[in-house]
Amino acid sequence: KKAAKKTVKKTVAKRTAAKSTAKKATKKKAKKTITRVTTVPSKVKKAARSKTTKKVSKRTGSATRKRK
């Protein structure tokens, strides 16, 4: 599960980076044209937002999910 979360974070970071570079390029009027700027899909955003942490209760030992 942790690996999946990490990949989500990485993809989001990569896409945001791509966006910023595209913006910079347009500002500088770069010779190379960037054809497509991918937007971060809502699914990925939601996955990043709804991180849940498990909290184990001391008395009963049952795990409860807690939203960050």
PDB file of N, CA and C in Angstrom:
ATOM      1  N   LYS A   1       0.818  -1.212   0.000  1.00  0.00           N
ATOM      2  CA  LYS A   1       0.000   0.000   0.000  1.00  0.00           C
ATOM      3  C   LYS A   1       0.850   1.260   0.000  1.00  0.00           C
ATOM      4  N   LYS A   2       1.912   1.247   0.806  1.00  0.00           N
ATOM      5  CA  LYS A   2       2.755   2.428   0.883  1.00  0.00           C
ATOM      6  C   LYS A   2       3.377   2.753  -0.472  1.00  0.00           C
ATOM      7  N   ALA A   3       3.762   1.699  -1.177  1.00  0.00           N
ATOM      8  CA  ALA A   3       4.378   1.884  -2.491  1.00  0.00           C
ATOM      9  C   ALA A   3       3.414   2.584  -3.435  1.00  0.00           C
ATOM     10  N   ALA A   4       2.159   2.186  -3.364  1.00  0.00           N
ATOM     11  CA  ALA A   4       1.140   2.786  -4.230  1.00  0.00           C
ATOM     12  C   ALA A   4       1.013   4.279  -3.943  1.00  0.00           C
ATOM     13  N   LYS A   5       1.006   4.613  -2.645  1.00  0.00           N
ATOM     14  CA  LYS A   5       0.887   6.011  -2.261  1.00  0.00           C
ATOM     15  C   LYS A   5       2.076   6.809  -2.775  1.00  0.00           C
ATOM     16  N   LYS A   6       3.252   6.203  -2.673  1.00  0.00           N
ATOM     17  CA  LYS A   6       4.463   6.882  -3.133  1.00  0.00           C
ATOM     18  C   LYS A   6       4.394   7.160  -4.623  1.00  0.00           C
ATOM     19  N   THR A   7       3.934   6.154  -5.386  1.00  0.00           N
ATOM     20  CA  THR A   7       3.846   6.344  -6.830  1.00  0.00           C
ATOM     21  C   THR A   7       2.859   7.455  -7.174  1.00  0.00           C
ATOM     22  N   VAL A   8       1.782   7.515  -6.429  1.00  0.00           N
ATOM     23  CA  VAL A   8       0.786   8.578  -6.652  1.00  0.00           C
ATOM     24  C   VAL A   8       1.455   9.926  -6.448  1.00  0.00           C
ATOM     25  N   LYS A   9       2.182  10.045  -5.345  1.00  0.00           N
ATOM     26  CA  LYS A   9       2.869  11.295  -5.043  1.00  0.00           C
ATOM     27  C   LYS A   9       3.838  11.653  -6.153  1.00  0.00           C
ATOM     28  N   LYS A  10       4.599  10.652  -6.601  1.00  0.00           N
ATOM     29  CA  LYS A  10       5.593  10.880  -7.648  1.00  0.00           C
ATOM     30  C   LYS A  10       4.939  11.364  -8.931  1.00  0.00           C
ATOM     31  N   THR A  11       3.854  10.692  -9.324  1.00  0.00           N
ATOM     32  CA  THR A  11       3.188  11.079 -10.567  1.00  0.00           C
ATOM     33  C   THR A  11       2.654  12.498 -10.478  1.00  0.00           C
ATOM     34  N   VAL A  12       2.095  12.830  -9.324  1.00  0.00           N
ATOM     35  CA  VAL A  12       1.558  14.180  -9.137  1.00  0.00           C
ATOM     36  C   VAL A  12       2.688  15.188  -9.253  1.00  0.00           C
ATOM     37  N   ALA A  13       3.800  14.882  -8.593  1.00  0.00           N
ATOM     38  CA  ALA A  13       4.956  15.787  -8.619  1.00  0.00           C
ATOM     39  C   ALA A  13       5.469  15.966 -10.041  1.00  0.00           C
ATOM     40  N   LYS A  14       5.565  14.859 -10.759  1.00  0.00           N
ATOM     41  CA  LYS A  14       6.064  14.910 -12.134  1.00  0.00           C
ATOM     42  C   LYS A  14       5.176  15.780 -13.002  1.00  0.00           C
ATOM     43  N   ARG A  15       3.883  15.596 -12.842  1.00  0.00           N
ATOM     44  CA  ARG A  15       2.960  16.357 -13.678  1.00  0.00           C
ATOM     45  C   ARG A  15       2.992  17.837 -13.352  1.00  0.00           C
ATOM     46  N   THR A  16       3.066  18.149 -12.074  1.00  0.00           N
ATOM     47  CA  THR A  16       3.109  19.563 -11.697  1.00  0.00           C
ATOM     48  C   THR A  16       4.398  20.181 -12.213  1.00  0.00           C
ATOM     49  N   ALA A  17       5.486  19.403 -12.158  1.00  0.00           N
ATOM     50  CA  ALA A  17       6.767  19.880 -12.664  1.00  0.00           C
ATOM     51  C   ALA A  17       6.664  20.146 -14.166  1.00  0.00           C
ATOM     52  N   ALA A  18       6.032  19.228 -14.869  1.00  0.00           N
ATOM     53  CA  ALA A  18       5.862  19.381 -16.313  1.00  0.00           C
ATOM     54  C   ALA A  18       5.085  20.652 -16.624  1.00  0.00           C
ATOM     55  N   LYS A  19       4.078  20.900 -15.806  1.00  0.00           N
ATOM     56  CA  LYS A  19       3.256  22.092 -16.006  1.00  0.00           C
ATOM     57  C   LYS A  19       4.083  23.359 -15.844  1.00  0.00           C
ATOM     58  N   SER A  20       4.866  23.387 -14.749  1.00  0.00           N
ATOM     59  CA  SER A  20       5.640  24.604 -14.472  1.00  0.00           C
ATOM     60  C   SER A  20       6.669  24.846 -15.574  1.00  0.00           C
ATOM     61  N   THR A  21       7.297  23.761 -16.068  1.00  0.00           N
ATOM     62  CA  THR A  21       8.285  23.930 -17.138  1.00  0.00           C
ATOM     63  C   THR A  21       7.606  24.441 -18.400  1.00  0.00           C
ATOM     64  N   ALA A  22       6.396  23.947 -18.639  1.00  0.00           N
ATOM     65  CA  ALA A  22       5.654  24.386 -19.818  1.00  0.00           C
ATOM     66  C   ALA A  22       5.351  25.878 -19.715  1.00  0.00           C
ATOM     67  N   LYS A  23       4.964  26.303 -18.506  1.00  0.00           N
ATOM     68  CA  LYS A  23       4.663  27.716 -18.302  1.00  0.00           C
ATOM     69  C   LYS A  23       5.892  28.574 -18.527  1.00  0.00           C
ATOM     70  N   LYS A  24       7.027  28.117 -17.975  1.00  0.00           N
ATOM     71  CA  LYS A  24       8.282  28.847 -18.140  1.00  0.00           C
ATOM     72  C   LYS A  24       8.627  28.970 -19.614  1.00  0.00           C
ATOM     73  N   ALA A  25       8.457  27.858 -20.328  1.00  0.00           N
ATOM     74  CA  ALA A  25       8.792  27.837 -21.745  1.00  0.00           C
ATOM     75  C   ALA A  25       7.950  28.840 -22.523  1.00  0.00           C
ATOM     76  N   THR A  26       6.667  28.914 -22.179  1.00  0.00           N
ATOM     77  CA  THR A  26       5.798  29.838 -22.894  1.00  0.00           C
ATOM     78  C   THR A  26       6.174  31.284 -22.569  1.00  0.00           C
ATOM     79  N   LYS A  27       6.629  31.501 -21.332  1.00  0.00           N
ATOM     80  CA  LYS A  27       7.034  32.845 -20.951  1.00  0.00           C
ATOM     81  C   LYS A  27       8.275  33.279 -21.719  1.00  0.00           C
ATOM     82  N   LYS A  28       9.212  32.365 -21.852  1.00  0.00           N
ATOM     83  CA  LYS A  28      10.470  32.684 -22.525  1.00  0.00           C
ATOM     84  C   LYS A  28      10.342  32.626 -24.046  1.00  0.00           C
ATOM     85  N   LYS A  29       9.183  32.206 -24.511  1.00  0.00           N
ATOM     86  CA  LYS A  29       8.949  31.993 -25.942  1.00  0.00           C
ATOM     87  C   LYS A  29       9.999  31.031 -26.505  1.00  0.00           C
ATOM     88  N   ALA A  30       9.982  29.859 -25.952  1.00  0.00           N
ATOM     89  CA  ALA A  30      10.975  28.841 -26.313  1.00  0.00           C
ATOM     90  C   ALA A  30      10.790  28.379 -27.747  1.00  0.00           C
ATOM     91  N   LYS A  31      11.891  27.943 -28.343  1.00  0.00           N
ATOM     92  CA  LYS A  31      11.868  27.470 -29.722  1.00  0.00           C
ATOM     93  C   LYS A  31      11.122  26.148 -29.810  1.00  0.00           C
ATOM     94  N   LYS A  32      11.340  25.298 -28.806  1.00  0.00           N
ATOM     95  CA  LYS A  32      10.657  24.004 -28.805  1.00  0.00           C
ATOM     96  C   LYS A  32       9.251  24.215 -28.258  1.00  0.00           C
ATOM     97  N   THR A  33       8.275  23.733 -28.987  1.00  0.00           N
ATOM     98  CA  THR A  33       6.903  23.903 -28.511  1.00  0.00           C
ATOM     99  C   THR A  33       6.490  22.682 -27.706  1.00  0.00           C
ATOM    100  N   ILE A  34       5.873  22.928 -26.598  1.00  0.00           N
ATOM    101  CA  ILE A  34       5.375  21.820 -25.791  1.00  0.00           C
ATOM    102  C   ILE A  34       3.966  21.530 -26.277  1.00  0.00           C
ATOM    103  N   THR A  35       3.783  20.283 -26.715  1.00  0.00           N
ATOM    104  CA  THR A  35       2.535  19.952 -27.379  1.00  0.00           C
ATOM    105  C   THR A  35       1.388  19.773 -26.403  1.00  0.00           C
ATOM    106  N   ARG A  36       1.644  19.056 -25.292  1.00  0.00           N
ATOM    107  CA  ARG A  36       0.531  18.784 -24.407  1.00  0.00           C
ATOM    108  C   ARG A  36       0.948  18.888 -22.945  1.00  0.00           C
ATOM    109  N   VAL A  37       0.181  19.615 -22.181  1.00  0.00           N
ATOM    110  CA  VAL A  37       0.415  19.692 -20.742  1.00  0.00           C
ATOM    111  C   VAL A  37      -0.660  18.855 -20.080  1.00  0.00           C
ATOM    112  N   THR A  38      -0.219  17.831 -19.380  1.00  0.00           N
ATOM    113  CA  THR A  38      -1.196  16.944 -18.767  1.00  0.00           C
ATOM    114  C   THR A  38      -1.629  17.512 -17.433  1.00  0.00           C
ATOM    115  N   THR A  39      -2.918  17.459 -17.202  1.00  0.00           N
ATOM    116  CA  THR A  39      -3.436  17.927 -15.918  1.00  0.00           C
ATOM    117  C   THR A  39      -3.533  16.741 -14.984  1.00  0.00           C
ATOM    118  N   VAL A  40      -3.412  16.989 -13.710  1.00  0.00           N
ATOM    119  CA  VAL A  40      -3.496  15.914 -12.727  1.00  0.00           C
ATOM    120  C   VAL A  40      -4.948  15.468 -12.642  1.00  0.00           C
ATOM    121  N   PRO A  41      -5.212  14.182 -12.905  1.00  0.00           N
ATOM    122  CA  PRO A  41      -6.590  13.716 -12.866  1.00  0.00           C
ATOM    123  C   PRO A  41      -7.168  13.746 -11.457  1.00  0.00           C
ATOM    124  N   SER A  42      -8.474  13.923 -11.384  1.00  0.00           N
ATOM    125  CA  SER A  42      -9.133  14.050 -10.080  1.00  0.00           C
ATOM    126  C   SER A  42      -8.931  12.797  -9.235  1.00  0.00           C
ATOM    127  N   LYS A  43      -8.848  11.646  -9.904  1.00  0.00           N
ATOM    128  CA  LYS A  43      -8.646  10.380  -9.182  1.00  0.00           C
ATOM    129  C   LYS A  43      -7.354  10.422  -8.374  1.00  0.00           C
ATOM    130  N   VAL A  44      -6.301  10.892  -9.014  1.00  0.00           N
ATOM    131  CA  VAL A  44      -4.991  10.962  -8.362  1.00  0.00           C
ATOM    132  C   VAL A  44      -5.032  11.954  -7.216  1.00  0.00           C
ATOM    133  N   LYS A  45      -5.689  13.078  -7.457  1.00  0.00           N
ATOM    134  CA  LYS A  45      -5.795  14.110  -6.417  1.00  0.00           C
ATOM    135  C   LYS A  45      -6.516  13.558  -5.202  1.00  0.00           C
ATOM    136  N   LYS A  46      -7.611  12.848  -5.462  1.00  0.00           N
ATOM    137  CA  LYS A  46      -8.398  12.276  -4.374  1.00  0.00           C
ATOM    138  C   LYS A  46      -7.572  11.268  -3.587  1.00  0.00           C
ATOM    139  N   ALA A  47      -6.815  10.456  -4.308  1.00  0.00           N
ATOM    140  CA  ALA A  47      -5.991   9.436  -3.657  1.00  0.00           C
ATOM    141  C   ALA A  47      -4.968  10.090  -2.739  1.00  0.00           C
ATOM    142  N   ALA A  48      -4.411  11.191  -3.191  1.00  0.00           N
ATOM    143  CA  ALA A  48      -3.416  11.896  -2.393  1.00  0.00           C
ATOM    144  C   ALA A  48      -4.064  12.546  -1.176  1.00  0.00           C
ATOM    145  N   ARG A  49      -5.289  12.992  -1.345  1.00  0.00           N
ATOM    146  CA  ARG A  49      -5.989  13.687  -0.274  1.00  0.00           C
ATOM    147  C   ARG A  49      -6.460  12.730   0.820  1.00  0.00           C
ATOM    148  N   SER A  50      -7.010  11.605   0.394  1.00  0.00           N
ATOM    149  CA  SER A  50      -7.642  10.714   1.360  1.00  0.00           C
ATOM    150  C   SER A  50      -6.663   9.706   1.949  1.00  0.00           C
ATOM    151  N   LYS A  51      -5.559  10.207   2.424  1.00  0.00           N
ATOM    152  CA  LYS A  51      -4.592   9.326   3.077  1.00  0.00           C
ATOM    153  C   LYS A  51      -5.172   8.908   4.406  1.00  0.00           C
ATOM    154  N   THR A  52      -5.182   7.625   4.657  1.00  0.00           N
ATOM    155  CA  THR A  52      -5.703   7.178   5.937  1.00  0.00           C
ATOM    156  C   THR A  52      -4.584   6.541   6.746  1.00  0.00           C
ATOM    157  N   THR A  53      -4.618   6.767   8.033  1.00  0.00           N
ATOM    158  CA  THR A  53      -3.622   6.153   8.898  1.00  0.00           C
ATOM    159  C   THR A  53      -4.333   5.194   9.827  1.00  0.00           C
ATOM    160  N   LYS A  54      -3.677   4.095  10.113  1.00  0.00           N
ATOM    161  CA  LYS A  54      -4.286   3.122  11.009  1.00  0.00           C
ATOM    162  C   LYS A  54      -3.874   3.448  12.432  1.00  0.00           C
ATOM    163  N   LYS A  55      -4.843   3.438  13.307  1.00  0.00           N
ATOM    164  CA  LYS A  55      -4.551   3.670  14.711  1.00  0.00           C
ATOM    165  C   LYS A  55      -5.006   2.425  15.467  1.00  0.00           C
ATOM    166  N   VAL A  56      -4.090   1.817  16.176  1.00  0.00           N
ATOM    167  CA  VAL A  56      -4.429   0.614  16.925  1.00  0.00           C
ATOM    168  C   VAL A  56      -4.723   0.994  18.365  1.00  0.00           C
ATOM    169  N   SER A  57      -5.905   0.583  18.829  1.00  0.00           N
ATOM    170  CA  SER A  57      -6.272   0.917  20.208  1.00  0.00           C
ATOM    171  C   SER A  57      -5.542  -0.013  21.166  1.00  0.00           C
ATOM    172  N   LYS A  58      -5.101   0.559  22.277  1.00  0.00           N
ATOM    173  CA  LYS A  58      -4.313  -0.213  23.229  1.00  0.00           C
ATOM    174  C   LYS A  58      -5.151  -1.264  23.964  1.00  0.00           C
ATOM    175  N   ARG A  59      -6.376  -0.903  24.309  1.00  0.00           N
ATOM    176  CA  ARG A  59      -7.189  -1.798  25.126  1.00  0.00           C
ATOM    177  C   ARG A  59      -7.662  -3.028  24.354  1.00  0.00           C
ATOM    178  N   THR A  60      -8.283  -2.794  23.191  1.00  0.00           N
ATOM    179  CA  THR A  60      -8.876  -3.920  22.468  1.00  0.00           C
ATOM    180  C   THR A  60      -7.972  -4.461  21.360  1.00  0.00           C
ATOM    181  N   GLY A  61      -7.023  -3.646  20.910  1.00  0.00           N
ATOM    182  CA  GLY A  61      -6.118  -4.094  19.850  1.00  0.00           C
ATOM    183  C   GLY A  61      -6.744  -4.050  18.469  1.00  0.00           C
ATOM    184  N   SER A  62      -7.874  -3.366  18.348  1.00  0.00           N
ATOM    185  CA  SER A  62      -8.510  -3.253  17.032  1.00  0.00           C
ATOM    186  C   SER A  62      -7.997  -2.003  16.326  1.00  0.00           C
ATOM    187  N   ALA A  63      -7.865  -2.113  15.041  1.00  0.00           N
ATOM    188  CA  ALA A  63      -7.346  -0.985  14.269  1.00  0.00           C
ATOM    189  C   ALA A  63      -8.485  -0.134  13.740  1.00  0.00           C
ATOM    190  N   THR A  64      -8.365   1.163  13.933  1.00  0.00           N
ATOM    191  CA  THR A  64      -9.368   2.079  13.392  1.00  0.00           C
ATOM    192  C   THR A  64      -8.685   2.982  12.386  1.00  0.00           C
ATOM    193  N   ARG A  65      -9.385   3.261  11.309  1.00  0.00           N
ATOM    194  CA  ARG A  65      -8.798   4.114  10.280  1.00  0.00           C
ATOM    195  C   ARG A  65      -9.054   5.566  10.623  1.00  0.00           C
ATOM    196  N   LYS A  66      -8.020   6.359  10.491  1.00  0.00           N
ATOM    197  CA  LYS A  66      -8.137   7.769  10.834  1.00  0.00           C
ATOM    198  C   LYS A  66      -7.659   8.584   9.648  1.00  0.00           C
ATOM    199  N   ARG A  67      -8.447   9.556   9.245  1.00  0.00           N
ATOM    200  CA  ARG A  67      -8.054  10.381   8.097  1.00  0.00           C
ATOM    201  C   ARG A  67      -7.064  11.439   8.518  1.00  0.00           C
ATOM    202  N   LYS A  68      -6.076  11.617   7.677  1.00  0.00           N
ATOM    203  CA  LYS A  68      -5.063  12.640   7.967  1.00  0.00           C
ATOM    204  C   LYS A  68      -5.612  13.992   7.642  1.00  0.00           C
TER     205      LYS A  68
END
